[in-house]
Amino acid sequence: MQYESNLMNQERQNEKDHELKLINRRRLELRGVKDVDSFDTEEFLLQTTLGYLVVRGENLHMKNLNVEEGLLTIQGKIEAFSYIDDHQGNKGKGFLNKLFK
């Protein structure tokens, strides 16, 4: 029973892990991706274990996607990435207002 409990706790911890690895501004490897809400060649909107993440750049495309494991690789010229959350005092604004500010 202890082994099963440790295994379940480890799986829960892995679900919460979120990691970004930017390589030469040309490749962004992410872990902890729950869903890809939208994307085009200039912007990706991702739901991660730590909230929404916007990735902006040029000629962006999805190289690898594994939603079951929460892995995503984006290639192209990465110019910026930022999180959208309510911790910045924007509680009165809607999701789209925060996205397009």
PDB file of N, CA and C in Angstrom:
ATOM      1  N   MET A   1       0.807  -1.204   0.000  1.00  0.00           N
ATOM      2  CA  MET A   1       0.000   0.000   0.000  1.00  0.00           C
ATOM      3  C   MET A   1       0.854   1.273   0.000  1.00  0.00           C
ATOM      4  N   GLN A   2       1.955   1.261   0.753  1.00  0.00           N
ATOM      5  CA  GLN A   2       2.820   2.438   0.808  1.00  0.00           C
ATOM      6  C   GLN A   2       3.383   2.764  -0.565  1.00  0.00           C
ATOM      7  N   TYR A   3       3.752   1.739  -1.330  1.00  0.00           N
ATOM      8  CA  TYR A   3       4.294   1.938  -2.680  1.00  0.00           C
ATOM      9  C   TYR A   3       3.275   2.633  -3.577  1.00  0.00           C
ATOM     10  N   GLU A   4       2.007   2.176  -3.524  1.00  0.00           N
ATOM     11  CA  GLU A   4       0.957   2.788  -4.334  1.00  0.00           C
ATOM     12  C   GLU A   4       0.735   4.241  -3.930  1.00  0.00           C
ATOM     13  N   SER A   5       0.771   4.518  -2.652  1.00  0.00           N
ATOM     14  CA  SER A   5       0.592   5.888  -2.167  1.00  0.00           C
ATOM     15  C   SER A   5       1.719   6.791  -2.663  1.00  0.00           C
ATOM     16  N   ASN A   6       2.959   6.326  -2.589  1.00  0.00           N
ATOM     17  CA  ASN A   6       4.097   7.113  -3.076  1.00  0.00           C
ATOM     18  C   ASN A   6       4.004   7.352  -4.576  1.00  0.00           C
ATOM     19  N   LEU A   7       3.570   6.334  -5.318  1.00  0.00           N
ATOM     20  CA  LEU A   7       3.428   6.464  -6.762  1.00  0.00           C
ATOM     21  C   LEU A   7       2.367   7.493  -7.121  1.00  0.00           C
ATOM     22  N   MET A   8       1.241   7.478  -6.409  1.00  0.00           N
ATOM     23  CA  MET A   8       0.170   8.446  -6.675  1.00  0.00           C
ATOM     24  C   MET A   8       0.625   9.856  -6.330  1.00  0.00           C
ATOM     25  N   ASN A   9       1.345  10.034  -5.233  1.00  0.00           N
ATOM     26  CA  ASN A   9       1.848  11.361  -4.869  1.00  0.00           C
ATOM     27  C   ASN A   9       2.835  11.873  -5.904  1.00  0.00           C
ATOM     28  N   GLN A  10       3.676  10.993  -6.423  1.00  0.00           N
ATOM     29  CA  GLN A  10       4.642  11.384  -7.450  1.00  0.00           C
ATOM     30  C   GLN A  10       3.930  11.791  -8.729  1.00  0.00           C
ATOM     31  N   GLU A  11       2.880  11.074  -9.121  1.00  0.00           N
ATOM     32  CA  GLU A  11       2.112  11.432 -10.312  1.00  0.00           C
ATOM     33  C   GLU A  11       1.443  12.784 -10.142  1.00  0.00           C
ATOM     34  N   ARG A  12       0.893  13.058  -8.951  1.00  0.00           N
ATOM     35  CA  ARG A  12       0.278  14.362  -8.698  1.00  0.00           C
ATOM     36  C   ARG A  12       1.302  15.482  -8.773  1.00  0.00           C
ATOM     37  N   GLN A  13       2.495  15.247  -8.240  1.00  0.00           N
ATOM     38  CA  GLN A  13       3.554  16.252  -8.288  1.00  0.00           C
ATOM     39  C   GLN A  13       3.954  16.527  -9.733  1.00  0.00           C
ATOM     40  N   ASN A  14       4.072  15.489 -10.549  1.00  0.00           N
ATOM     41  CA  ASN A  14       4.431  15.668 -11.957  1.00  0.00           C
ATOM     42  C   ASN A  14       3.388  16.475 -12.706  1.00  0.00           C
ATOM     43  N   GLU A  15       2.101  16.338 -12.333  1.00  0.00           N
ATOM     44  CA  GLU A  15       1.047  17.119 -12.965  1.00  0.00           C
ATOM     45  C   GLU A  15       1.217  18.603 -12.655  1.00  0.00           C
ATOM     46  N   LYS A  16       1.731  18.940 -11.482  1.00  0.00           N
ATOM     47  CA  LYS A  16       1.883  20.331 -11.080  1.00  0.00           C
ATOM     48  C   LYS A  16       3.165  20.954 -11.621  1.00  0.00           C
ATOM     49  N   ASP A  17       4.144  20.137 -11.983  1.00  0.00           N
ATOM     50  CA  ASP A  17       5.415  20.657 -12.482  1.00  0.00           C
ATOM     51  C   ASP A  17       5.196  21.437 -13.766  1.00  0.00           C
ATOM     52  N   HIS A  18       5.855  22.558 -13.842  1.00  0.00           N
ATOM     53  CA  HIS A  18       5.791  23.393 -15.042  1.00  0.00           C
ATOM     54  C   HIS A  18       7.214  23.872 -15.311  1.00  0.00           C
ATOM     55  N   GLU A  19       7.653  23.657 -16.525  1.00  0.00           N
ATOM     56  CA  GLU A  19       9.030  23.982 -16.854  1.00  0.00           C
ATOM     57  C   GLU A  19       9.110  24.542 -18.260  1.00  0.00           C
ATOM     58  N   LEU A  20       9.927  25.583 -18.414  1.00  0.00           N
ATOM     59  CA  LEU A  20      10.201  26.191 -19.719  1.00  0.00           C
ATOM     60  C   LEU A  20      11.692  26.087 -19.987  1.00  0.00           C
ATOM     61  N   LYS A  21      12.015  25.726 -21.208  1.00  0.00           N
ATOM     62  CA  LYS A  21      13.420  25.696 -21.612  1.00  0.00           C
ATOM     63  C   LYS A  21      13.511  26.382 -22.964  1.00  0.00           C
ATOM     64  N   LEU A  22      14.186  27.532 -22.994  1.00  0.00           N
ATOM     65  CA  LEU A  22      14.351  28.306 -24.214  1.00  0.00           C
ATOM     66  C   LEU A  22      15.758  28.074 -24.743  1.00  0.00           C
ATOM     67  N   ILE A  23      15.847  27.615 -25.984  1.00  0.00           N
ATOM     68  CA  ILE A  23      17.125  27.283 -26.592  1.00  0.00           C
ATOM     69  C   ILE A  23      17.367  28.221 -27.772  1.00  0.00           C
ATOM     70  N   ASN A  24      18.357  29.123 -27.610  1.00  0.00           N
ATOM     71  CA  ASN A  24      18.774  30.062 -28.665  1.00  0.00           C
ATOM     72  C   ASN A  24      17.630  30.878 -29.260  1.00  0.00           C
ATOM     73  N   ARG A  25      16.609  31.125 -28.482  1.00  0.00           N
ATOM     74  CA  ARG A  25      15.430  31.890 -28.934  1.00  0.00           C
ATOM     75  C   ARG A  25      14.779  31.289 -30.173  1.00  0.00           C
ATOM     76  N   ARG A  26      15.091  30.062 -30.496  1.00  0.00           N
ATOM     77  CA  ARG A  26      14.535  29.386 -31.674  1.00  0.00           C
ATOM     78  C   ARG A  26      13.688  28.176 -31.319  1.00  0.00           C
ATOM     79  N   ARG A  27      13.796  27.714 -30.087  1.00  0.00           N
ATOM     80  CA  ARG A  27      13.072  26.508 -29.678  1.00  0.00           C
ATOM     81  C   ARG A  27      12.656  26.671 -28.218  1.00  0.00           C
ATOM     82  N   LEU A  28      11.370  26.474 -27.944  1.00  0.00           N
ATOM     83  CA  LEU A  28      10.838  26.567 -26.595  1.00  0.00           C
ATOM     84  C   LEU A  28      10.234  25.211 -26.227  1.00  0.00           C
ATOM     85  N   GLU A  29      10.806  24.562 -25.226  1.00  0.00           N
ATOM     86  CA  GLU A  29      10.311  23.280 -24.755  1.00  0.00           C
ATOM     87  C   GLU A  29       9.558  23.522 -23.447  1.00  0.00           C
ATOM     88  N   LEU A  30       8.331  23.031 -23.375  1.00  0.00           N
ATOM     89  CA  LEU A  30       7.484  23.258 -22.213  1.00  0.00           C
ATOM     90  C   LEU A  30       7.019  21.943 -21.623  1.00  0.00           C
ATOM     91  N   ARG A  31       6.906  21.927 -20.307  1.00  0.00           N
ATOM     92  CA  ARG A  31       6.324  20.800 -19.586  1.00  0.00           C
ATOM     93  C   ARG A  31       5.268  21.367 -18.654  1.00  0.00           C
ATOM     94  N   GLY A  32       4.161  20.661 -18.508  1.00  0.00           N
ATOM     95  CA  GLY A  32       3.059  21.132 -17.674  1.00  0.00           C
ATOM     96  C   GLY A  32       1.972  21.805 -18.492  1.00  0.00           C
ATOM     97  N   VAL A  33       1.898  21.487 -19.778  1.00  0.00           N
ATOM     98  CA  VAL A  33       0.872  22.059 -20.656  1.00  0.00           C
ATOM     99  C   VAL A  33      -0.393  21.217 -20.551  1.00  0.00           C
ATOM    100  N   LYS A  34      -1.502  21.870 -20.235  1.00  0.00           N
ATOM    101  CA  LYS A  34      -2.785  21.178 -20.150  1.00  0.00           C
ATOM    102  C   LYS A  34      -3.524  21.195 -21.484  1.00  0.00           C
ATOM    103  N   ASP A  35      -3.447  22.337 -22.193  1.00  0.00           N
ATOM    104  CA  ASP A  35      -4.208  22.479 -23.429  1.00  0.00           C
ATOM    105  C   ASP A  35      -3.627  23.613 -24.265  1.00  0.00           C
ATOM    106  N   VAL A  36      -3.777  23.510 -25.563  1.00  0.00           N
ATOM    107  CA  VAL A  36      -3.420  24.585 -26.478  1.00  0.00           C
ATOM    108  C   VAL A  36      -4.742  25.216 -26.917  1.00  0.00           C
ATOM    109  N   ASP A  37      -5.022  26.421 -26.410  1.00  0.00           N
ATOM    110  CA  ASP A  37      -6.300  27.065 -26.706  1.00  0.00           C
ATOM    111  C   ASP A  37      -6.335  27.636 -28.117  1.00  0.00           C
ATOM    112  N   SER A  38      -5.256  28.274 -28.533  1.00  0.00           N
ATOM    113  CA  SER A  38      -5.201  28.817 -29.896  1.00  0.00           C
ATOM    114  C   SER A  38      -3.740  29.031 -30.268  1.00  0.00           C
ATOM    115  N   PHE A  39      -3.504  29.060 -31.578  1.00  0.00           N
ATOM    116  CA  PHE A  39      -2.149  29.325 -32.037  1.00  0.00           C
ATOM    117  C   PHE A  39      -2.172  29.735 -33.498  1.00  0.00           C
ATOM    118  N   ASP A  40      -1.174  30.532 -33.855  1.00  0.00           N
ATOM    119  CA  ASP A  40      -0.900  30.876 -35.243  1.00  0.00           C
ATOM    120  C   ASP A  40       0.605  31.121 -35.356  1.00  0.00           C
ATOM    121  N   THR A  41       1.054  31.687 -36.447  1.00  0.00           N
ATOM    122  CA  THR A  41       2.497  31.846 -36.657  1.00  0.00           C
ATOM    123  C   THR A  41       3.104  32.943 -35.789  1.00  0.00           C
ATOM    124  N   GLU A  42       2.264  33.735 -35.104  1.00  0.00           N
ATOM    125  CA  GLU A  42       2.780  34.826 -34.272  1.00  0.00           C
ATOM    126  C   GLU A  42       2.470  34.686 -32.788  1.00  0.00           C
ATOM    127  N   GLU A  43       1.530  33.801 -32.416  1.00  0.00           N
ATOM    128  CA  GLU A  43       1.147  33.725 -31.014  1.00  0.00           C
ATOM    129  C   GLU A  43       0.535  32.373 -30.668  1.00  0.00           C
ATOM    130  N   PHE A  44       0.900  31.873 -29.487  1.00  0.00           N
ATOM    131  CA  PHE A  44       0.308  30.664 -28.915  1.00  0.00           C
ATOM    132  C   PHE A  44      -0.337  31.051 -27.597  1.00  0.00           C
ATOM    133  N   LEU A  45      -1.532  30.532 -27.332  1.00  0.00           N
ATOM    134  CA  LEU A  45      -2.191  30.684 -26.038  1.00  0.00           C
ATOM    135  C   LEU A  45      -2.326  29.290 -25.438  1.00  0.00           C
ATOM    136  N   LEU A  46      -1.628  29.075 -24.311  1.00  0.00           N
ATOM    137  CA  LEU A  46      -1.543  27.757 -23.701  1.00  0.00           C
ATOM    138  C   LEU A  46      -2.117  27.772 -22.301  1.00  0.00           C
ATOM    139  N   GLN A  47      -2.821  26.715 -21.953  1.00  0.00           N
ATOM    140  CA  GLN A  47      -3.246  26.531 -20.571  1.00  0.00           C
ATOM    141  C   GLN A  47      -2.233  25.601 -19.923  1.00  0.00           C
ATOM    142  N   THR A  48      -1.587  26.069 -18.859  1.00  0.00           N
ATOM    143  CA  THR A  48      -0.572  25.277 -18.166  1.00  0.00           C
ATOM    144  C   THR A  48      -1.025  24.994 -16.740  1.00  0.00           C
ATOM    145  N   THR A  49      -0.239  24.219 -16.045  1.00  0.00           N
ATOM    146  CA  THR A  49      -0.568  23.912 -14.657  1.00  0.00           C
ATOM    147  C   THR A  49      -0.459  25.132 -13.752  1.00  0.00           C
ATOM    148  N   LEU A  50       0.191  26.186 -14.221  1.00  0.00           N
ATOM    149  CA  LEU A  50       0.331  27.421 -13.429  1.00  0.00           C
ATOM    150  C   LEU A  50      -0.445  28.588 -14.022  1.00  0.00           C
ATOM    151  N   GLY A  51      -1.379  28.326 -14.906  1.00  0.00           N
ATOM    152  CA  GLY A  51      -2.199  29.376 -15.498  1.00  0.00           C
ATOM    153  C   GLY A  51      -1.964  29.478 -17.000  1.00  0.00           C
ATOM    154  N   TYR A  52      -2.555  30.510 -17.590  1.00  0.00           N
ATOM    155  CA  TYR A  52      -2.421  30.714 -19.034  1.00  0.00           C
ATOM    156  C   TYR A  52      -1.071  31.344 -19.367  1.00  0.00           C
ATOM    157  N   LEU A  53      -0.506  30.894 -20.471  1.00  0.00           N
ATOM    158  CA  LEU A  53       0.780  31.373 -20.946  1.00  0.00           C
ATOM    159  C   LEU A  53       0.615  31.804 -22.401  1.00  0.00           C
ATOM    160  N   VAL A  54       1.088  33.011 -22.713  1.00  0.00           N
ATOM    161  CA  VAL A  54       1.079  33.519 -24.080  1.00  0.00           C
ATOM    162  C   VAL A  54       2.519  33.534 -24.576  1.00  0.00           C
ATOM    163  N   VAL A  55       2.757  32.929 -25.739  1.00  0.00           N
ATOM    164  CA  VAL A  55       4.075  32.915 -26.368  1.00  0.00           C
ATOM    165  C   VAL A  55       3.941  33.687 -27.670  1.00  0.00           C
ATOM    166  N   ARG A  56       4.806  34.706 -27.848  1.00  0.00           N
ATOM    167  CA  ARG A  56       4.756  35.534 -29.054  1.00  0.00           C
ATOM    168  C   ARG A  56       6.074  35.446 -29.811  1.00  0.00           C
ATOM    169  N   GLY A  57       5.979  35.597 -31.136  1.00  0.00           N
ATOM    170  CA  GLY A  57       7.175  35.545 -31.956  1.00  0.00           C
ATOM    171  C   GLY A  57       6.844  35.603 -33.431  1.00  0.00           C
ATOM    172  N   GLU A  58       7.766  35.103 -34.246  1.00  0.00           N
ATOM    173  CA  GLU A  58       7.602  35.078 -35.696  1.00  0.00           C
ATOM    174  C   GLU A  58       7.823  33.662 -36.203  1.00  0.00           C
ATOM    175  N   ASN A  59       7.052  33.291 -37.213  1.00  0.00           N
ATOM    176  CA  ASN A  59       7.164  31.965 -37.835  1.00  0.00           C
ATOM    177  C   ASN A  59       7.105  30.831 -36.809  1.00  0.00           C
ATOM    178  N   LEU A  60       6.208  30.963 -35.841  1.00  0.00           N
ATOM    179  CA  LEU A  60       6.068  29.948 -34.804  1.00  0.00           C
ATOM    180  C   LEU A  60       5.286  28.752 -35.338  1.00  0.00           C
ATOM    181  N   HIS A  61       5.730  27.575 -34.970  1.00  0.00           N
ATOM    182  CA  HIS A  61       4.974  26.368 -35.290  1.00  0.00           C
ATOM    183  C   HIS A  61       5.217  25.314 -34.211  1.00  0.00           C
ATOM    184  N   MET A  62       4.226  24.441 -34.099  1.00  0.00           N
ATOM    185  CA  MET A  62       4.253  23.395 -33.100  1.00  0.00           C
ATOM    186  C   MET A  62       5.087  22.228 -33.634  1.00  0.00           C
ATOM    187  N   LYS A  63       6.130  21.890 -32.934  1.00  0.00           N
ATOM    188  CA  LYS A  63       6.990  20.788 -33.356  1.00  0.00           C
ATOM    189  C   LYS A  63       6.494  19.472 -32.766  1.00  0.00           C
ATOM    190  N   ASN A  64       6.313  19.427 -31.473  1.00  0.00           N
ATOM    191  CA  ASN A  64       5.831  18.225 -30.779  1.00  0.00           C
ATOM    192  C   ASN A  64       4.738  18.616 -29.807  1.00  0.00           C
ATOM    193  N   LEU A  65       3.731  17.760 -29.674  1.00  0.00           N
ATOM    194  CA  LEU A  65       2.674  17.971 -28.696  1.00  0.00           C
ATOM    195  C   LEU A  65       2.269  16.622 -28.127  1.00  0.00           C
ATOM    196  N   ASN A  66       2.311  16.517 -26.804  1.00  0.00           N
ATOM    197  CA  ASN A  66       1.846  15.337 -26.097  1.00  0.00           C
ATOM    198  C   ASN A  66       1.066  15.832 -24.894  1.00  0.00           C
ATOM    199  N   VAL A  67      -0.258  15.973 -25.054  1.00  0.00           N
ATOM    200  CA  VAL A  67      -1.094  16.533 -23.988  1.00  0.00           C
ATOM    201  C   VAL A  67      -1.177  15.577 -22.799  1.00  0.00           C
ATOM    202  N   GLU A  68      -1.122  14.275 -23.058  1.00  0.00           N
ATOM    203  CA  GLU A  68      -1.186  13.307 -21.955  1.00  0.00           C
ATOM    204  C   GLU A  68      -0.033  13.505 -20.981  1.00  0.00           C
ATOM    205  N   GLU A  69       1.155  13.782 -21.511  1.00  0.00           N
ATOM    206  CA  GLU A  69       2.322  14.010 -20.651  1.00  0.00           C
ATOM    207  C   GLU A  69       2.551  15.497 -20.391  1.00  0.00           C
ATOM    208  N   GLY A  70       1.806  16.374 -21.047  1.00  0.00           N
ATOM    209  CA  GLY A  70       1.940  17.809 -20.837  1.00  0.00           C
ATOM    210  C   GLY A  70       3.150  18.418 -21.505  1.00  0.00           C
ATOM    211  N   LEU A  71       3.625  17.826 -22.596  1.00  0.00           N
ATOM    212  CA  LEU A  71       4.835  18.293 -23.275  1.00  0.00           C
ATOM    213  C   LEU A  71       4.494  18.994 -24.578  1.00  0.00           C
ATOM    214  N   LEU A  72       5.196  20.093 -24.847  1.00  0.00           N
ATOM    215  CA  LEU A  72       5.008  20.856 -26.088  1.00  0.00           C
ATOM    216  C   LEU A  72       6.332  21.487 -26.473  1.00  0.00           C
ATOM    217  N   THR A  73       6.631  21.464 -27.772  1.00  0.00           N
ATOM    218  CA  THR A  73       7.801  22.146 -28.305  1.00  0.00           C
ATOM    219  C   THR A  73       7.336  23.109 -29.382  1.00  0.00           C
ATOM    220  N   ILE A  74       7.760  24.363 -29.262  1.00  0.00           N
ATOM    221  CA  ILE A  74       7.441  25.407 -30.246  1.00  0.00           C
ATOM    222  C   ILE A  74       8.749  25.843 -30.880  1.00  0.00           C
ATOM    223  N   GLN A  75       8.742  25.930 -32.219  1.00  0.00           N
ATOM    224  CA  GLN A  75       9.922  26.410 -32.934  1.00  0.00           C
ATOM    225  C   GLN A  75       9.570  27.672 -33.703  1.00  0.00           C
ATOM    226  N   GLY A  76      10.569  28.504 -33.910  1.00  0.00           N
ATOM    227  CA  GLY A  76      10.420  29.777 -34.591  1.00  0.00           C
ATOM    228  C   GLY A  76      11.239  30.810 -33.854  1.00  0.00           C
ATOM    229  N   LYS A  77      11.032  32.071 -34.168  1.00  0.00           N
ATOM    230  CA  LYS A  77      11.733  33.144 -33.455  1.00  0.00           C
ATOM    231  C   LYS A  77      10.895  33.546 -32.246  1.00  0.00           C
ATOM    232  N   ILE A  78      11.328  33.145 -31.058  1.00  0.00           N
ATOM    233  CA  ILE A  78      10.611  33.439 -29.812  1.00  0.00           C
ATOM    234  C   ILE A  78      10.984  34.854 -29.379  1.00  0.00           C
ATOM    235  N   GLU A  79       9.983  35.724 -29.305  1.00  0.00           N
ATOM    236  CA  GLU A  79      10.234  37.119 -28.906  1.00  0.00           C
ATOM    237  C   GLU A  79       9.837  37.395 -27.466  1.00  0.00           C
ATOM    238  N   ALA A  80       8.780  36.719 -26.983  1.00  0.00           N
ATOM    239  CA  ALA A  80       8.323  36.980 -25.613  1.00  0.00           C
ATOM    240  C   ALA A  80       7.393  35.871 -25.160  1.00  0.00           C
ATOM    241  N   PHE A  81       7.331  35.697 -23.853  1.00  0.00           N
ATOM    242  CA  PHE A  81       6.299  34.849 -23.266  1.00  0.00           C
ATOM    243  C   PHE A  81       5.910  35.455 -21.937  1.00  0.00           C
ATOM    244  N   SER A  82       4.624  35.368 -21.623  1.00  0.00           N
ATOM    245  CA  SER A  82       4.127  35.944 -20.372  1.00  0.00           C
ATOM    246  C   SER A  82       2.917  35.158 -19.889  1.00  0.00           C
ATOM    247  N   TYR A  83       2.718  35.217 -18.575  1.00  0.00           N
ATOM    248  CA  TYR A  83       1.601  34.530 -17.945  1.00  0.00           C
ATOM    249  C   TYR A  83       0.454  35.509 -17.753  1.00  0.00           C
ATOM    250  N   ILE A  84      -0.752  34.991 -17.895  1.00  0.00           N
ATOM    251  CA  ILE A  84      -1.958  35.779 -17.658  1.00  0.00           C
ATOM    252  C   ILE A  84      -2.582  35.224 -16.393  1.00  0.00           C
ATOM    253  N   ASP A  85      -2.622  36.044 -15.339  1.00  0.00           N
ATOM    254  CA  ASP A  85      -3.220  35.581 -14.092  1.00  0.00           C
ATOM    255  C   ASP A  85      -3.848  36.744 -13.353  1.00  0.00           C
ATOM    256  N   ASP A  86      -4.522  36.448 -12.244  1.00  0.00           N
ATOM    257  CA  ASP A  86      -5.222  37.456 -11.449  1.00  0.00           C
ATOM    258  C   ASP A  86      -4.373  37.989 -10.313  1.00  0.00           C
ATOM    259  N   HIS A  87      -3.106  37.648 -10.265  1.00  0.00           N
ATOM    260  CA  HIS A  87      -2.259  38.074  -9.156  1.00  0.00           C
ATOM    261  C   HIS A  87      -1.709  39.483  -9.347  1.00  0.00           C
ATOM    262  N   GLN A  88      -2.089  40.158 -10.420  1.00  0.00           N
ATOM    263  CA  GLN A  88      -1.561  41.486 -10.700  1.00  0.00           C
ATOM    264  C   GLN A  88      -2.577  42.579 -10.399  1.00  0.00           C
ATOM    265  N   GLY A  89      -3.631  42.243  -9.700  1.00  0.00           N
ATOM    266  CA  GLY A  89      -4.623  43.245  -9.351  1.00  0.00           C
ATOM    267  C   GLY A  89      -5.617  43.525 -10.463  1.00  0.00           C
ATOM    268  N   ASN A  90      -5.772  42.640 -11.414  1.00  0.00           N
ATOM    269  CA  ASN A  90      -6.702  42.823 -12.527  1.00  0.00           C
ATOM    270  C   ASN A  90      -7.990  42.042 -12.310  1.00  0.00           C
ATOM    271  N   LYS A  91      -8.449  41.941 -11.087  1.00  0.00           N
ATOM    272  CA  LYS A  91      -9.598  41.095 -10.791  1.00  0.00           C
ATOM    273  C   LYS A  91     -10.875  41.609 -11.435  1.00  0.00           C
ATOM    274  N   GLY A  92     -10.979  42.884 -11.723  1.00  0.00           N
ATOM    275  CA  GLY A  92     -12.176  43.434 -12.328  1.00  0.00           C
ATOM    276  C   GLY A  92     -12.226  43.261 -13.835  1.00  0.00           C
ATOM    277  N   LYS A  93     -11.140  42.924 -14.451  1.00  0.00           N
ATOM    278  CA  LYS A  93     -11.090  42.796 -15.903  1.00  0.00           C
ATOM    279  C   LYS A  93     -11.363  41.359 -16.319  1.00  0.00           C
ATOM    280  N   GLY A  94     -11.920  41.215 -17.499  1.00  0.00           N
ATOM    281  CA  GLY A  94     -12.172  39.889 -18.042  1.00  0.00           C
ATOM    282  C   GLY A  94     -10.934  39.291 -18.673  1.00  0.00           C
ATOM    283  N   PHE A  95     -11.061  38.030 -19.056  1.00  0.00           N
ATOM    284  CA  PHE A  95      -9.937  37.298 -19.634  1.00  0.00           C
ATOM    285  C   PHE A  95      -9.458  37.955 -20.922  1.00  0.00           C
ATOM    286  N   LEU A  96     -10.367  38.344 -21.805  1.00  0.00           N
ATOM    287  CA  LEU A  96      -9.953  38.941 -23.087  1.00  0.00           C
ATOM    288  C   LEU A  96      -9.318  40.304 -22.895  1.00  0.00           C
ATOM    289  N   ASN A  97      -9.787  41.079 -21.925  1.00  0.00           N
ATOM    290  CA  ASN A  97      -9.161  42.374 -21.643  1.00  0.00           C
ATOM    291  C   ASN A  97      -7.714  42.203 -21.219  1.00  0.00           C
ATOM    292  N   LYS A  98      -7.432  41.184 -20.412  1.00  0.00           N
ATOM    293  CA  LYS A  98      -6.065  40.916 -19.974  1.00  0.00           C
ATOM    294  C   LYS A  98      -5.211  40.448 -21.136  1.00  0.00           C
ATOM    295  N   LEU A  99      -5.814  39.690 -22.031  1.00  0.00           N
ATOM    296  CA  LEU A  99      -5.068  39.148 -23.159  1.00  0.00           C
ATOM    297  C   LEU A  99      -4.652  40.228 -24.143  1.00  0.00           C
ATOM    298  N   PHE A 100      -5.517  41.218 -24.372  1.00  0.00           N
ATOM    299  CA  PHE A 100      -5.265  42.232 -25.391  1.00  0.00           C
ATOM    300  C   PHE A 100      -4.910  43.601 -24.828  1.00  0.00           C
ATOM    301  N   LYS A 101      -4.347  43.670 -23.632  1.00  0.00           N
ATOM    302  CA  LYS A 101      -3.992  44.974 -23.066  1.00  0.00           C
ATOM    303  C   LYS A 101      -2.773  45.567 -23.702  1.00  0.00           C
TER     304      LYS A 101
END
